[in-house]
Amino acid sequence: MPARMTAAAFPETVRDQLRARGLRWTPQRRLILDVISEAEGHVTGSEFVDRCRARDPDTTPSTVYRTLDVLEELGYLAHSHAADGREEYHVLPVAEHAHLHCSDCGGSWEVGADEVNRLVRALRRDRGFVVDVAHLTLAGRCGSCEAKRV
């Protein structure tokens, strides 16, 4: 949801955009939007399915995932992949960011695009490789876990 949009306007705006694409506005989609609008941070697709099913046990995973795909196309959320490969959705991302993942403790931290910019620029300059920062996860050990190894 763009920062200027209120939570109350979110479902109606999305409804209008779905209809403009020839897609139906269904009670299931409304439920999914309600669940998404209450989420913060990183949420997996299966967590979205579980949250929807807690409200309506008849919710199908395929409907949730298709709706997540459409909402990503519309810019209301973004997905990335955690170090373990699972897909995570960033609800209402404020800015593009990468992730650090500690392989010892399992901790995960966001890294702003400006912090990884030097690496991204070097890869483009030296290799002609354009990095999709939203899908960048660097695995290693956090400072606390590294200190325990010494």
Protein backbone atom coordinates (compact mmCIF):
# COMPACT_ATOMS: atom_id res chain seq x y z
CA MET A 1 0.00 0.00 0.00
CA PRO A 2 1.56 3.30 -0.98
CA ALA A 3 2.40 5.42 2.05
CA ARG A 4 -0.19 8.04 1.09
CA MET A 5 -3.05 5.54 1.08
CA THR A 6 -5.05 4.92 4.24
CA ALA A 7 -5.71 1.39 5.43
CA ALA A 8 -9.43 1.99 4.92
CA ALA A 9 -8.91 2.93 1.25
CA PHE A 10 -6.64 -0.06 0.56
CA PRO A 11 -9.30 -2.70 -0.23
CA GLU A 12 -11.40 -0.37 -2.36
CA THR A 13 -8.40 0.82 -4.35
CA VAL A 14 -7.26 -2.74 -4.98
CA ARG A 15 -10.84 -3.75 -5.86
CA ASP A 16 -10.92 -1.05 -8.54
CA GLN A 17 -7.54 -2.09 -9.91
CA LEU A 18 -8.54 -5.76 -10.03
CA ARG A 19 -11.74 -4.94 -11.87
CA ALA A 20 -9.79 -2.76 -14.32
CA ARG A 21 -7.71 -5.87 -15.10
CA GLY A 22 -10.86 -7.90 -15.68
CA LEU A 23 -10.54 -9.80 -12.40
CA ARG A 24 -13.43 -10.42 -10.05
CA TRP A 25 -13.78 -8.94 -6.58
CA THR A 26 -14.65 -11.90 -4.36
CA PRO A 27 -15.17 -12.38 -0.64
CA GLN A 28 -11.98 -14.47 -0.60
CA ARG A 29 -9.94 -11.64 -2.10
CA ARG A 30 -11.43 -9.21 0.41
CA LEU A 31 -10.43 -11.57 3.24
CA ILE A 32 -6.90 -11.86 1.87
CA LEU A 33 -6.60 -8.08 1.65
CA ASP A 34 -7.80 -7.73 5.23
CA VAL A 35 -5.16 -10.22 6.39
CA ILE A 36 -2.43 -8.51 4.37
CA SER A 37 -3.36 -5.06 5.66
CA GLU A 38 -2.90 -6.31 9.24
CA ALA A 39 0.48 -7.93 8.59
CA GLU A 40 3.81 -6.28 9.24
CA GLY A 41 7.30 -7.10 8.06
CA HIS A 42 8.11 -10.41 6.41
CA VAL A 43 5.41 -13.05 6.07
CA THR A 44 5.58 -16.32 4.15
CA GLY A 45 2.88 -17.39 1.77
CA SER A 46 1.99 -20.32 4.01
CA GLU A 47 1.62 -17.92 6.95
CA PHE A 48 -0.82 -15.88 4.87
CA VAL A 49 -2.73 -19.06 4.04
CA ASP A 50 -2.87 -20.02 7.73
CA ARG A 51 -4.04 -16.55 8.75
CA CYS A 52 -6.77 -16.59 6.11
CA ARG A 53 -7.86 -20.10 7.07
CA ALA A 54 -8.09 -19.04 10.71
CA ARG A 55 -10.85 -16.66 9.59
CA ASP A 56 -12.34 -18.81 6.85
CA PRO A 57 -11.39 -22.52 6.80
CA ASP A 58 -12.54 -22.82 3.18
CA THR A 59 -9.77 -20.51 1.93
CA THR A 60 -7.70 -22.29 -0.73
CA PRO A 61 -3.94 -21.81 -0.94
CA SER A 62 -4.10 -21.29 -4.71
CA THR A 63 -6.41 -18.30 -4.28
CA VAL A 64 -4.08 -16.78 -1.69
CA TYR A 65 -0.97 -17.25 -3.85
CA ARG A 66 -2.65 -15.94 -7.01
CA THR A 67 -3.82 -12.87 -5.11
CA LEU A 68 -0.33 -12.33 -3.68
CA ASP A 69 1.07 -12.45 -7.23
CA VAL A 70 -1.42 -9.85 -8.46
CA LEU A 71 -0.78 -7.59 -5.47
CA GLU A 72 2.94 -7.78 -6.14
CA GLU A 73 2.34 -6.74 -9.76
CA LEU A 74 0.35 -3.79 -8.44
CA GLY A 75 3.17 -2.82 -6.04
CA TYR A 76 1.42 -3.48 -2.72
CA LEU A 77 3.91 -6.09 -1.58
CA ALA A 78 7.15 -7.63 -2.71
CA HIS A 79 8.67 -11.05 -2.26
CA SER A 80 12.17 -12.28 -1.67
CA HIS A 81 13.75 -15.57 -0.70
CA ALA A 82 15.19 -16.26 2.72
CA ALA A 83 18.53 -18.00 3.07
CA ASP A 84 16.70 -21.33 3.45
CA GLY A 85 14.96 -20.72 0.11
CA ARG A 86 11.48 -20.05 1.43
CA GLU A 87 9.59 -17.23 -0.18
CA GLU A 88 8.80 -14.29 2.08
CA TYR A 89 6.54 -11.38 1.32
CA HIS A 90 7.37 -7.88 2.43
CA VAL A 91 4.10 -6.24 3.23
CA LEU A 92 3.89 -2.65 2.12
CA PRO A 93 7.63 -2.27 1.64
CA VAL A 94 8.82 1.22 2.40
CA ALA A 95 12.03 0.78 0.45
CA GLU A 96 13.91 -1.90 -1.41
CA HIS A 97 16.26 -3.82 0.86
CA ALA A 98 18.45 -6.90 1.04
CA HIS A 99 18.90 -9.30 3.94
CA LEU A 100 21.63 -10.72 6.13
CA HIS A 101 21.07 -14.23 7.49
CA CYS A 102 23.11 -15.84 10.28
CA SER A 103 23.60 -19.51 9.51
CA ASP A 104 24.37 -20.25 13.19
CA CYS A 105 21.51 -18.60 15.14
CA GLY A 106 19.06 -18.17 12.24
CA GLY A 107 18.78 -14.41 12.79
CA SER A 108 17.79 -12.20 9.89
CA TRP A 109 18.33 -8.48 9.39
CA GLU A 110 17.35 -6.01 6.71
CA VAL A 111 20.04 -4.09 4.86
CA GLY A 112 19.01 -0.91 3.09
CA ALA A 113 19.73 -0.59 -0.61
CA ASP A 114 22.09 2.28 0.13
CA GLU A 115 24.20 -0.02 2.34
CA VAL A 116 24.64 -2.64 -0.40
CA ASN A 117 25.01 -0.05 -3.15
CA ARG A 118 28.81 -0.29 -3.28
CA LEU A 119 28.65 -4.06 -3.86
CA VAL A 120 25.85 -3.67 -6.40
CA ARG A 121 27.77 -1.00 -8.32
CA ALA A 122 30.95 -3.10 -8.31
CA LEU A 123 29.14 -6.15 -9.67
CA ARG A 124 27.60 -4.08 -12.43
CA ARG A 125 30.88 -2.35 -13.29
CA ASP A 126 33.12 -5.45 -13.09
CA ARG A 127 30.78 -8.14 -14.36
CA GLY A 128 27.94 -6.33 -16.10
CA PHE A 129 25.59 -7.97 -13.59
CA VAL A 130 22.53 -6.05 -12.44
CA VAL A 131 21.50 -7.15 -8.94
CA ASP A 132 17.87 -7.43 -7.90
CA VAL A 133 18.42 -6.10 -4.37
CA ALA A 134 14.99 -7.26 -3.20
CA HIS A 135 16.10 -10.86 -3.81
CA LEU A 136 19.55 -10.49 -2.25
CA THR A 137 20.26 -12.47 0.92
CA LEU A 138 23.80 -12.72 2.24
CA ALA A 139 24.45 -15.72 4.48
CA GLY A 140 27.17 -15.85 7.10
CA ARG A 141 27.56 -15.39 10.84
CA CYS A 142 26.39 -12.46 12.92
CA GLY A 143 28.80 -10.69 15.27
CA SER A 144 27.50 -12.53 18.35
CA CYS A 145 27.83 -15.98 16.80
CA GLU A 146 31.25 -15.16 15.35
CA ALA A 147 32.43 -13.98 18.79
CA LYS A 148 31.35 -17.34 20.29
CA ARG A 149 33.58 -19.16 17.81
CA VAL A 150 36.70 -17.31 18.89
